[in-house]
PDB file of N, CA and C in Angstrom:
ATOM      1  N   MET A   1     132.480 104.500  95.626  1.00  0.00           N
ATOM      2  CA  MET A   1     131.112 104.948  95.602  1.00  0.00           C
ATOM      3  C   MET A   1     130.544 105.037  97.025  1.00  0.00           C
ATOM      4  N   LEU A   2     130.745 104.003  97.834  1.00  0.00           N
ATOM      5  CA  LEU A   2     130.238 104.038  99.203  1.00  0.00           C
ATOM      6  C   LEU A   2     131.254 104.583 100.199  1.00  0.00           C
ATOM      7  N   ASN A   3     132.517 104.657  99.816  1.00  0.00           N
ATOM      8  CA  ASN A   3     133.588 105.161 100.684  1.00  0.00           C
ATOM      9  C   ASN A   3     133.640 104.434 102.022  1.00  0.00           C
ATOM     10  N   LEU A   4     133.704 103.124 101.966  1.00  0.00           N
ATOM     11  CA  LEU A   4     133.754 102.354 103.207  1.00  0.00           C
ATOM     12  C   LEU A   4     135.139 102.381 103.838  1.00  0.00           C
ATOM     13  N   ILE A   5     136.174 102.427 103.034  1.00  0.00           N
ATOM     14  CA  ILE A   5     137.547 102.367 103.543  1.00  0.00           C
ATOM     15  C   ILE A   5     138.014 103.768 103.907  1.00  0.00           C
ATOM     16  N   GLY A   6     138.514 103.909 105.115  1.00  0.00           N
ATOM     17  CA  GLY A   6     139.111 105.169 105.536  1.00  0.00           C
ATOM     18  C   GLY A   6     138.117 106.227 105.949  1.00  0.00           C
ATOM     19  N   GLU A   7     136.876 105.924 106.013  1.00  0.00           N
ATOM     20  CA  GLU A   7     135.889 106.939 106.346  1.00  0.00           C
ATOM     21  C   GLU A   7     135.685 107.073 107.851  1.00  0.00           C
ATOM     22  N   CYS A   8     135.743 105.974 108.574  1.00  0.00           N
ATOM     23  CA  CYS A   8     135.515 105.994 110.018  1.00  0.00           C
ATOM     24  C   CYS A   8     136.694 105.309 110.710  1.00  0.00           C
ATOM     25  N   HIS A   9     137.385 106.055 111.587  1.00  0.00           N
ATOM     26  CA  HIS A   9     138.547 105.510 112.296  1.00  0.00           C
ATOM     27  C   HIS A   9     138.276 105.355 113.784  1.00  0.00           C
ATOM     28  N   SER A  10     137.035 105.395 114.174  1.00  0.00           N
ATOM     29  CA  SER A  10     136.684 105.318 115.587  1.00  0.00           C
ATOM     30  C   SER A  10     136.824 103.894 116.106  1.00  0.00           C
ATOM     31  N   LEU A  11     137.129 103.777 117.399  1.00  0.00           N
ATOM     32  CA  LEU A  11     137.201 102.480 118.051  1.00  0.00           C
ATOM     33  C   LEU A  11     135.972 102.231 118.927  1.00  0.00           C
ATOM     34  N   SER A  12     135.091 103.203 118.983  1.00  0.00           N
ATOM     35  CA  SER A  12     133.879 103.087 119.790  1.00  0.00           C
ATOM     36  C   SER A  12     132.849 102.221 119.052  1.00  0.00           C
ATOM     37  N   TYR A  13     132.272 101.294 119.784  1.00  0.00           N
ATOM     38  CA  TYR A  13     131.265 100.412 119.192  1.00  0.00           C
ATOM     39  C   TYR A  13     130.054 101.218 118.728  1.00  0.00           C
ATOM     40  N   ASP A  14     129.638 102.211 119.512  1.00  0.00           N
ATOM     41  CA  ASP A  14     128.493 103.043 119.138  1.00  0.00           C
ATOM     42  C   ASP A  14     128.764 103.812 117.852  1.00  0.00           C
ATOM     43  N   ALA A  15     129.968 104.360 117.728  1.00  0.00           N
ATOM     44  CA  ALA A  15     130.318 105.119 116.527  1.00  0.00           C
ATOM     45  C   ALA A  15     130.368 104.215 115.300  1.00  0.00           C
ATOM     46  N   LEU A  16     130.915 103.009 115.464  1.00  0.00           N
ATOM     47  CA  LEU A  16     130.969 102.072 114.339  1.00  0.00           C
ATOM     48  C   LEU A  16     129.561 101.631 113.925  1.00  0.00           C
ATOM     49  N   THR A  17     128.696 101.411 114.892  1.00  0.00           N
ATOM     50  CA  THR A  17     127.315 101.033 114.585  1.00  0.00           C
ATOM     51  C   THR A  17     126.601 102.155 113.842  1.00  0.00           C
ATOM     52  N   ALA A  18     126.798 103.388 114.289  1.00  0.00           N
ATOM     53  CA  ALA A  18     126.201 104.539 113.611  1.00  0.00           C
ATOM     54  C   ALA A  18     126.746 104.672 112.198  1.00  0.00           C
ATOM     55  N   HIS A  19     128.046 104.447 112.031  1.00  0.00           N
ATOM     56  CA  HIS A  19     128.665 104.532 110.708  1.00  0.00           C
ATOM     57  C   HIS A  19     128.068 103.485 109.759  1.00  0.00           C
ATOM     58  N   VAL A  20     127.903 102.265 110.257  1.00  0.00           N
ATOM     59  CA  VAL A  20     127.322 101.203 109.427  1.00  0.00           C
ATOM     60  C   VAL A  20     125.890 101.568 109.032  1.00  0.00           C
ATOM     61  N   ALA A  21     125.120 102.126 109.960  1.00  0.00           N
ATOM     62  CA  ALA A  21     123.748 102.526 109.649  1.00  0.00           C
ATOM     63  C   ALA A  21     123.725 103.601 108.569  1.00  0.00           C
ATOM     64  N   ILE A  22     124.650 104.556 108.661  1.00  0.00           N
ATOM     65  CA  ILE A  22     124.724 105.620 107.654  1.00  0.00           C
ATOM     66  C   ILE A  22     125.126 105.054 106.302  1.00  0.00           C
ATOM     67  N   VAL A  23     126.084 104.128 106.284  1.00  0.00           N
ATOM     68  CA  VAL A  23     126.518 103.513 105.025  1.00  0.00           C
ATOM     69  C   VAL A  23     125.370 102.722 104.400  1.00  0.00           C
ATOM     70  N   PHE A  24     124.631 101.972 105.207  1.00  0.00           N
ATOM     71  CA  PHE A  24     123.493 101.212 104.678  1.00  0.00           C
ATOM     72  C   PHE A  24     122.432 102.147 104.097  1.00  0.00           C
ATOM     73  N   THR A  25     122.164 103.240 104.800  1.00  0.00           N
ATOM     74  CA  THR A  25     121.185 104.206 104.303  1.00  0.00           C
ATOM     75  C   THR A  25     121.645 104.803 102.984  1.00  0.00           C
ATOM     76  N   ARG A  26     122.920 105.143 102.906  1.00  0.00           N
ATOM     77  CA  ARG A  26     123.476 105.681 101.666  1.00  0.00           C
ATOM     78  C   ARG A  26     123.336 104.669 100.528  1.00  0.00           C
ATOM     79  N   TYR A  27     123.615 103.411 100.824  1.00  0.00           N
ATOM     80  CA  TYR A  27     123.501 102.369  99.807  1.00  0.00           C
ATOM     81  C   TYR A  27     122.050 102.225  99.330  1.00  0.00           C
ATOM     82  N   MET A  28     121.094 102.252 100.270  1.00  0.00           N
ATOM     83  CA  MET A  28     119.684 102.128  99.877  1.00  0.00           C
ATOM     84  C   MET A  28     119.254 103.295  98.995  1.00  0.00           C
ATOM     85  N   LEU A  29     119.722 104.507  99.317  1.00  0.00           N
ATOM     86  CA  LEU A  29     119.378 105.667  98.498  1.00  0.00           C
ATOM     87  C   LEU A  29     119.982 105.558  97.101  1.00  0.00           C
ATOM     88  N   LEU A  30     121.242 105.104  97.019  1.00  0.00           N
ATOM     89  CA  LEU A  30     121.870 104.932  95.707  1.00  0.00           C
ATOM     90  C   LEU A  30     121.172 103.844  94.892  1.00  0.00           C
ATOM     91  N   ALA A  31     120.798 102.749  95.537  1.00  0.00           N
ATOM     92  CA  ALA A  31     120.105 101.666  94.837  1.00  0.00           C
ATOM     93  C   ALA A  31     118.740 102.131  94.338  1.00  0.00           C
ATOM     94  N   MET A  32     118.033 102.906  95.157  1.00  0.00           N
ATOM     95  CA  MET A  32     116.737 103.417  94.738  1.00  0.00           C
ATOM     96  C   MET A  32     116.883 104.376  93.557  1.00  0.00           C
ATOM     97  N   GLU A  33     117.876 105.242  93.621  1.00  0.00           N
ATOM     98  CA  GLU A  33     118.120 106.189  92.531  1.00  0.00           C
ATOM     99  C   GLU A  33     118.468 105.458  91.241  1.00  0.00           C
ATOM    100  N   GLN A  34     119.285 104.421  91.342  1.00  0.00           N
ATOM    101  CA  GLN A  34     119.652 103.647  90.156  1.00  0.00           C
ATOM    102  C   GLN A  34     118.422 102.966  89.563  1.00  0.00           C
ATOM    103  N   ARG A  35     117.586 102.412  90.411  1.00  0.00           N
ATOM    104  CA  ARG A  35     116.402 101.727  89.894  1.00  0.00           C
ATOM    105  C   ARG A  35     115.452 102.710  89.225  1.00  0.00           C
ATOM    106  N   GLN A  36     115.294 103.878  89.808  1.00  0.00           N
ATOM    107  CA  GLN A  36     114.401 104.871  89.217  1.00  0.00           C
ATOM    108  C   GLN A  36     114.904 105.339  87.852  1.00  0.00           C
ATOM    109  N   ASN A  37     116.207 105.394  87.675  1.00  0.00           N
ATOM    110  CA  ASN A  37     116.763 105.927  86.432  1.00  0.00           C
ATOM    111  C   ASN A  37     117.031 104.881  85.366  1.00  0.00           C
ATOM    112  N   LYS A  38     117.317 103.641  85.743  1.00  0.00           N
ATOM    113  CA  LYS A  38     117.770 102.664  84.759  1.00  0.00           C
ATOM    114  C   LYS A  38     116.899 101.427  84.642  1.00  0.00           C
ATOM    115  N   ASP A  39     116.144 101.091  85.657  1.00  0.00           N
ATOM    116  CA  ASP A  39     115.422  99.826  85.676  1.00  0.00           C
ATOM    117  C   ASP A  39     114.046  99.982  85.040  1.00  0.00           C
ATOM    118  N   GLN A  40     113.732  99.130  84.073  1.00  0.00           N
ATOM    119  CA  GLN A  40     112.453  99.198  83.380  1.00  0.00           C
ATOM    120  C   GLN A  40     111.279  98.756  84.255  1.00  0.00           C
ATOM    121  N   ARG A  41     111.555  98.051  85.343  1.00  0.00           N
ATOM    122  CA  ARG A  41     110.468  97.589  86.205  1.00  0.00           C
ATOM    123  C   ARG A  41     109.738  98.745  86.873  1.00  0.00           C
ATOM    124  N   THR A  42     110.317  99.912  86.921  1.00  0.00           N
ATOM    125  CA  THR A  42     109.654 101.046  87.560  1.00  0.00           C
ATOM    126  C   THR A  42     108.497 101.560  86.721  1.00  0.00           C
ATOM    127  N   LEU A  43     108.394 101.131  85.469  1.00  0.00           N
ATOM    128  CA  LEU A  43     107.257 101.535  84.651  1.00  0.00           C
ATOM    129  C   LEU A  43     105.958 100.937  85.174  1.00  0.00           C
ATOM    130  N   GLY A  44     106.058  99.884  85.988  1.00  0.00           N
ATOM    131  CA  GLY A  44     104.870  99.277  86.575  1.00  0.00           C
ATOM    132  C   GLY A  44     104.087 100.251  87.433  1.00  0.00           C
ATOM    133  N   LYS A  45     104.757 101.255  87.951  1.00  0.00           N
ATOM    134  CA  LYS A  45     104.091 102.264  88.769  1.00  0.00           C
ATOM    135  C   LYS A  45     103.074 103.041  87.934  1.00  0.00           C
ATOM    136  N   LEU A  46     103.327 103.138  86.638  1.00  0.00           N
ATOM    137  CA  LEU A  46     102.408 103.823  85.745  1.00  0.00           C
ATOM    138  C   LEU A  46     101.023 103.199  85.798  1.00  0.00           C
ATOM    139  N   PHE A  47     100.977 101.863  85.844  1.00  0.00           N
ATOM    140  CA  PHE A  47      99.692 101.164  85.911  1.00  0.00           C
ATOM    141  C   PHE A  47      98.922 101.583  87.152  1.00  0.00           C
ATOM    142  N   PHE A  48      99.595 101.621  88.291  1.00  0.00           N
ATOM    143  CA  PHE A  48      98.914 101.970  89.529  1.00  0.00           C
ATOM    144  C   PHE A  48      98.444 103.424  89.517  1.00  0.00           C
ATOM    145  N   LEU A  49      99.190 104.302  88.862  1.00  0.00           N
ATOM    146  CA  LEU A  49      98.763 105.694  88.774  1.00  0.00           C
ATOM    147  C   LEU A  49      97.528 105.835  87.895  1.00  0.00           C
ATOM    148  N   LEU A  50      97.430 105.024  86.841  1.00  0.00           N
ATOM    149  CA  LEU A  50      96.304 105.126  85.921  1.00  0.00           C
ATOM    150  C   LEU A  50      95.010 104.574  86.516  1.00  0.00           C
ATOM    151  N   VAL A  51      95.086 103.504  87.285  1.00  0.00           N
ATOM    152  CA  VAL A  51      93.870 102.891  87.815  1.00  0.00           C
ATOM    153  C   VAL A  51      93.599 103.292  89.263  1.00  0.00           C
ATOM    154  N   ASP A  52      94.362 104.209  89.782  1.00  0.00           N
ATOM    155  CA  ASP A  52      94.207 104.620  91.172  1.00  0.00           C
ATOM    156  C   ASP A  52      92.838 105.246  91.429  1.00  0.00           C
ATOM    157  N   GLU A  53      92.278 105.916  90.420  1.00  0.00           N
ATOM    158  CA  GLU A  53      91.020 106.620  90.614  1.00  0.00           C
ATOM    159  C   GLU A  53      89.815 105.684  90.594  1.00  0.00           C
ATOM    160  N   MET A  54      89.981 104.482  90.060  1.00  0.00           N
ATOM    161  CA  MET A  54      88.861 103.549  89.989  1.00  0.00           C
ATOM    162  C   MET A  54      88.528 103.038  91.388  1.00  0.00           C
ATOM    163  N   ALA A  55      87.279 103.080  91.719  1.00  0.00           N
ATOM    164  CA  ALA A  55      86.854 102.606  93.040  1.00  0.00           C
ATOM    165  C   ALA A  55      86.860 101.086  93.062  1.00  0.00           C
ATOM    166  N   ASP A  56      87.277 100.556  94.183  1.00  0.00           N
ATOM    167  CA  ASP A  56      87.235  99.107  94.350  1.00  0.00           C
ATOM    168  C   ASP A  56      85.792  98.681  94.593  1.00  0.00           C
ATOM    169  N   ILE A  57      85.380  97.657  93.875  1.00  0.00           N
ATOM    170  CA  ILE A  57      84.031  97.137  94.059  1.00  0.00           C
ATOM    171  C   ILE A  57      84.110  95.989  95.060  1.00  0.00           C
ATOM    172  N   THR A  58      83.233  96.005  96.013  1.00  0.00           N
ATOM    173  CA  THR A  58      83.281  94.977  97.048  1.00  0.00           C
ATOM    174  C   THR A  58      82.670  93.680  96.531  1.00  0.00           C
ATOM    175  N   PHE A  59      82.983  92.612  97.207  1.00  0.00           N
ATOM    176  CA  PHE A  59      82.445  91.306  96.834  1.00  0.00           C
ATOM    177  C   PHE A  59      80.921  91.318  96.927  1.00  0.00           C
ATOM    178  N   ASN A  60      80.388  91.905  97.995  1.00  0.00           N
ATOM    179  CA  ASN A  60      78.933  91.956  98.171  1.00  0.00           C
ATOM    180  C   ASN A  60      78.269  92.704  97.028  1.00  0.00           C
ATOM    181  N   ARG A  61      78.857  93.822  96.653  1.00  0.00           N
ATOM    182  CA  ARG A  61      78.284  94.633  95.575  1.00  0.00           C
ATOM    183  C   ARG A  61      78.357  93.894  94.243  1.00  0.00           C
ATOM    184  N   SER A  62      79.486  93.246  93.951  1.00  0.00           N
ATOM    185  CA  SER A  62      79.618  92.532  92.680  1.00  0.00           C
ATOM    186  C   SER A  62      78.653  91.352  92.615  1.00  0.00           C
ATOM    187  N   LEU A  63      78.444  90.663  93.729  1.00  0.00           N
ATOM    188  CA  LEU A  63      77.485  89.561  93.756  1.00  0.00           C
ATOM    189  C   LEU A  63      76.070  90.089  93.538  1.00  0.00           C
ATOM    190  N   GLY A  64      75.763  91.233  94.111  1.00  0.00           N
ATOM    191  CA  GLY A  64      74.451  91.856  93.899  1.00  0.00           C
ATOM    192  C   GLY A  64      74.229  92.251  92.448  1.00  0.00           C
ATOM    193  N   ILE A  65      75.265  92.776  91.801  1.00  0.00           N
ATOM    194  CA  ILE A  65      75.170  93.146  90.386  1.00  0.00           C
ATOM    195  C   ILE A  65      74.918  91.910  89.532  1.00  0.00           C
ATOM    196  N   LEU A  66      75.645  90.823  89.818  1.00  0.00           N
ATOM    197  CA  LEU A  66      75.453  89.581  89.065  1.00  0.00           C
ATOM    198  C   LEU A  66      74.046  89.020  89.255  1.00  0.00           C
ATOM    199  N   MET A  67      73.546  89.056  90.476  1.00  0.00           N
ATOM    200  CA  MET A  67      72.196  88.550  90.738  1.00  0.00           C
ATOM    201  C   MET A  67      71.144  89.396  90.027  1.00  0.00           C
ATOM    202  N   ALA A  68      71.304  90.709  90.038  1.00  0.00           N
ATOM    203  CA  ALA A  68      70.348  91.582  89.351  1.00  0.00           C
ATOM    204  C   ALA A  68      70.359  91.321  87.846  1.00  0.00           C
ATOM    205  N   ALA A  69      71.545  91.120  87.280  1.00  0.00           N
ATOM    206  CA  ALA A  69      71.640  90.821  85.847  1.00  0.00           C
ATOM    207  C   ALA A  69      71.005  89.474  85.530  1.00  0.00           C
ATOM    208  N   LEU A  70      71.217  88.481  86.396  1.00  0.00           N
ATOM    209  CA  LEU A  70      70.616  87.163  86.196  1.00  0.00           C
ATOM    210  C   LEU A  70      69.095  87.251  86.240  1.00  0.00           C
ATOM    211  N   MET A  71      68.555  87.974  87.214  1.00  0.00           N
ATOM    212  CA  MET A  71      67.102  88.104  87.326  1.00  0.00           C
ATOM    213  C   MET A  71      66.515  88.823  86.115  1.00  0.00           C
ATOM    214  N   ALA A  72      67.179  89.878  85.651  1.00  0.00           N
ATOM    215  CA  ALA A  72      66.692  90.609  84.482  1.00  0.00           C
ATOM    216  C   ALA A  72      66.718  89.727  83.239  1.00  0.00           C
ATOM    217  N   SER A  73      67.767  88.927  83.083  1.00  0.00           N
ATOM    218  CA  SER A  73      67.855  88.027  81.930  1.00  0.00           C
ATOM    219  C   SER A  73      66.783  86.950  81.988  1.00  0.00           C
ATOM    220  N   LEU A  74      66.559  86.383  83.164  1.00  0.00           N
ATOM    221  CA  LEU A  74      65.518  85.361  83.305  1.00  0.00           C
ATOM    222  C   LEU A  74      64.141  85.921  82.969  1.00  0.00           C
ATOM    223  N   GLN A  75      63.883  87.117  83.436  1.00  0.00           N
ATOM    224  CA  GLN A  75      62.580  87.723  83.190  1.00  0.00           C
ATOM    225  C   GLN A  75      62.416  88.084  81.712  1.00  0.00           C
ATOM    226  N   GLU A  76      63.473  88.544  81.076  1.00  0.00           N
ATOM    227  CA  GLU A  76      63.399  88.968  79.677  1.00  0.00           C
ATOM    228  C   GLU A  76      63.324  87.777  78.727  1.00  0.00           C
ATOM    229  N   ILE A  77      64.209  86.807  78.896  1.00  0.00           N
ATOM    230  CA  ILE A  77      64.312  85.708  77.930  1.00  0.00           C
ATOM    231  C   ILE A  77      63.259  84.634  78.183  1.00  0.00           C
ATOM    232  N   LEU A  78      63.085  84.226  79.440  1.00  0.00           N
ATOM    233  CA  LEU A  78      62.159  83.140  79.749  1.00  0.00           C
ATOM    234  C   LEU A  78      60.748  83.636  80.055  1.00  0.00           C
ATOM    235  N   LYS A  79      60.576  84.946  80.108  1.00  0.00           N
ATOM    236  CA  LYS A  79      59.269  85.560  80.375  1.00  0.00           C
ATOM    237  C   LYS A  79      58.633  85.017  81.661  1.00  0.00           C
ATOM    238  N   LEU A  80      59.447  84.962  82.715  1.00  0.00           N
ATOM    239  CA  LEU A  80      58.967  84.465  84.002  1.00  0.00           C
ATOM    240  C   LEU A  80      58.114  85.525  84.688  1.00  0.00           C
ATOM    241  N   SER A  81      57.094  85.073  85.386  1.00  0.00           N
ATOM    242  CA  SER A  81      56.273  85.999  86.166  1.00  0.00           C
ATOM    243  C   SER A  81      57.037  86.368  87.441  1.00  0.00           C
ATOM    244  N   ASP A  82      56.520  87.349  88.147  1.00  0.00           N
ATOM    245  CA  ASP A  82      57.170  87.765  89.393  1.00  0.00           C
ATOM    246  C   ASP A  82      57.158  86.643  90.427  1.00  0.00           C
ATOM    247  N   GLU A  83      56.079  85.868  90.469  1.00  0.00           N
ATOM    248  CA  GLU A  83      55.998  84.755  91.412  1.00  0.00           C
ATOM    249  C   GLU A  83      57.036  83.683  91.071  1.00  0.00           C
ATOM    250  N   GLN A  84      57.170  83.377  89.772  1.00  0.00           N
ATOM    251  CA  GLN A  84      58.153  82.380  89.350  1.00  0.00           C
ATOM    252  C   GLN A  84      59.573  82.866  89.639  1.00  0.00           C
ATOM    253  N   LEU A  85      59.794  84.139  89.403  1.00  0.00           N
ATOM    254  CA  LEU A  85      61.115  84.718  89.659  1.00  0.00           C
ATOM    255  C   LEU A  85      61.444  84.684  91.150  1.00  0.00           C
ATOM    256  N   THR A  86      60.465  84.970  91.992  1.00  0.00           N
ATOM    257  CA  THR A  86      60.667  84.915  93.438  1.00  0.00           C
ATOM    258  C   THR A  86      60.965  83.488  93.887  1.00  0.00           C
ATOM    259  N   ALA A  87      60.222  82.523  93.335  1.00  0.00           N
ATOM    260  CA  ALA A  87      60.462  81.117  93.681  1.00  0.00           C
ATOM    261  C   ALA A  87      61.843  80.677  93.210  1.00  0.00           C
ATOM    262  N   PHE A  88      62.225  81.092  92.001  1.00  0.00           N
ATOM    263  CA  PHE A  88      63.554  80.745  91.483  1.00  0.00           C
ATOM    264  C   PHE A  88      64.647  81.336  92.363  1.00  0.00           C
ATOM    265  N   THR A  89      64.486  82.600  92.734  1.00  0.00           N
ATOM    266  CA  THR A  89      65.477  83.273  93.572  1.00  0.00           C
ATOM    267  C   THR A  89      65.616  82.577  94.923  1.00  0.00           C
ATOM    268  N   ALA A  90      64.498  82.223  95.534  1.00  0.00           N
ATOM    269  CA  ALA A  90      64.540  81.548  96.837  1.00  0.00           C
ATOM    270  C   ALA A  90      65.229  80.197  96.720  1.00  0.00           C
ATOM    271  N   ASP A  91      64.909  79.437  95.668  1.00  0.00           N
ATOM    272  CA  ASP A  91      65.539  78.131  95.471  1.00  0.00           C
ATOM    273  C   ASP A  91      67.033  78.282  95.196  1.00  0.00           C
ATOM    274  N   PHE A  92      67.376  79.264  94.368  1.00  0.00           N
ATOM    275  CA  PHE A  92      68.782  79.502  94.025  1.00  0.00           C
ATOM    276  C   PHE A  92      69.584  79.868  95.264  1.00  0.00           C
ATOM    277  N   GLU A  93      69.062  80.788  96.062  1.00  0.00           N
ATOM    278  CA  GLU A  93      69.766  81.223  97.268  1.00  0.00           C
ATOM    279  C   GLU A  93      69.874  80.100  98.293  1.00  0.00           C
ATOM    280  N   ALA A  94      68.876  79.213  98.342  1.00  0.00           N
ATOM    281  CA  ALA A  94      68.921  78.098  99.286  1.00  0.00           C
ATOM    282  C   ALA A  94      70.042  77.125  98.936  1.00  0.00           C
ATOM    283  N   ARG A  95      70.404  77.057  97.671  1.00  0.00           N
ATOM    284  CA  ARG A  95      71.459  76.140  97.236  1.00  0.00           C
ATOM    285  C   ARG A  95      72.866  76.732  97.402  1.00  0.00           C
ATOM    286  N   LEU A  96      72.945  78.014  97.693  1.00  0.00           N
ATOM    287  CA  LEU A  96      74.247  78.671  97.846  1.00  0.00           C
ATOM    288  C   LEU A  96      74.869  78.338  99.196  1.00  0.00           C
ATOM    289  N   PRO A  97      76.201  78.357  99.278  1.00  0.00           N
ATOM    290  CA  PRO A  97      76.854  78.230 100.591  1.00  0.00           C
ATOM    291  C   PRO A  97      76.480  79.421 101.477  1.00  0.00           C
ATOM    292  N   GLU A  98      76.632  79.230 102.762  1.00  0.00           N
ATOM    293  CA  GLU A  98      76.191  80.252 103.721  1.00  0.00           C
ATOM    294  C   GLU A  98      76.900  81.592 103.523  1.00  0.00           C
ATOM    295  N   TYR A  99      78.207  81.563 103.222  1.00  0.00           N
ATOM    296  CA  TYR A  99      78.930  82.835 103.080  1.00  0.00           C
ATOM    297  C   TYR A  99      78.421  83.635 101.886  1.00  0.00           C
ATOM    298  N   LEU A 100      77.940  82.956 100.836  1.00  0.00           N
ATOM    299  CA  LEU A 100      77.373  83.679  99.696  1.00  0.00           C
ATOM    300  C   LEU A 100      75.982  84.218 100.024  1.00  0.00           C
ATOM    301  N   ARG A 101      75.195  83.444 100.765  1.00  0.00           N
ATOM    302  CA  ARG A 101      73.883  83.944 101.198  1.00  0.00           C
ATOM    303  C   ARG A 101      74.056  85.170 102.081  1.00  0.00           C
ATOM    304  N   ASN A 102      75.050  85.130 102.972  1.00  0.00           N
ATOM    305  CA  ASN A 102      75.317  86.287 103.838  1.00  0.00           C
ATOM    306  C   ASN A 102      75.780  87.486 103.027  1.00  0.00           C
ATOM    307  N   ALA A 103      76.509  87.235 101.946  1.00  0.00           N
ATOM    308  CA  ALA A 103      76.971  88.339 101.102  1.00  0.00           C
ATOM    309  C   ALA A 103      75.812  88.962 100.337  1.00  0.00           C
ATOM    310  N   LEU A 104      74.830  88.141  99.950  1.00  0.00           N
ATOM    311  CA  LEU A 104      73.666  88.673  99.243  1.00  0.00           C
ATOM    312  C   LEU A 104      72.773  89.503 100.159  1.00  0.00           C
ATOM    313  N   HIS A 105      72.698  89.115 101.417  1.00  0.00           N
ATOM    314  CA  HIS A 105      71.839  89.802 102.386  1.00  0.00           C
ATOM    315  C   HIS A 105      72.652  90.142 103.630  1.00  0.00           C
ATOM    316  N   PRO A 106      73.530  91.153 103.545  1.00  0.00           N
ATOM    317  CA  PRO A 106      74.397  91.475 104.691  1.00  0.00           C
ATOM    318  C   PRO A 106      73.619  91.942 105.921  1.00  0.00           C
ATOM    319  N   GLU A 107      72.444  92.549 105.716  1.00  0.00           N
ATOM    320  CA  GLU A 107      71.665  93.025 106.866  1.00  0.00           C
ATOM    321  C   GLU A 107      71.134  91.860 107.693  1.00  0.00           C
ATOM    322  N   ILE A 108      70.833  90.733 107.052  1.00  0.00           N
ATOM    323  CA  ILE A 108      70.362  89.546 107.775  1.00  0.00           C
ATOM    324  C   ILE A 108      71.531  88.868 108.489  1.00  0.00           C
ATOM    325  N   ALA A 109      72.694  88.852 107.832  1.00  0.00           N
ATOM    326  CA  ALA A 109      73.872  88.195 108.407  1.00  0.00           C
ATOM    327  C   ALA A 109      74.340  88.899 109.674  1.00  0.00           C
ATOM    328  N   MET A 110      74.166  90.229 109.734  1.00  0.00           N
ATOM    329  CA  MET A 110      74.626  90.987 110.901  1.00  0.00           C
ATOM    330  C   MET A 110      73.676  90.842 112.085  1.00  0.00           C
ATOM    331  N   ALA A 111      72.433  90.515 111.813  1.00  0.00           N
ATOM    332  CA  ALA A 111      71.432  90.425 112.889  1.00  0.00           C
ATOM    333  C   ALA A 111      71.614  89.193 113.731  1.00  0.00           C
TER     334      ALA A 111
END
């Protein structure tokens, strides 16, 4: 399959090195072809093709979405006034670690 025996009769070190590189390349191509045709693990690529179009949501954006949902739920269920909601938000953010506060307000973190 790889034809290692009798293929190269050179005594030059450069020629032997080139021959080995060609044989390795041939082996990698054959291994890739075999995996594409016979190995079931290549079906995993299907997943990446299907979700490739979905945009990645950043950590900052996801934290903002969660905070907006929390505020809407607090206002709807507990019937909090805007002043109470502002006080709750300030207290909540004060209890967060610094990296989360910076993620909630990236414009302040950059300043």
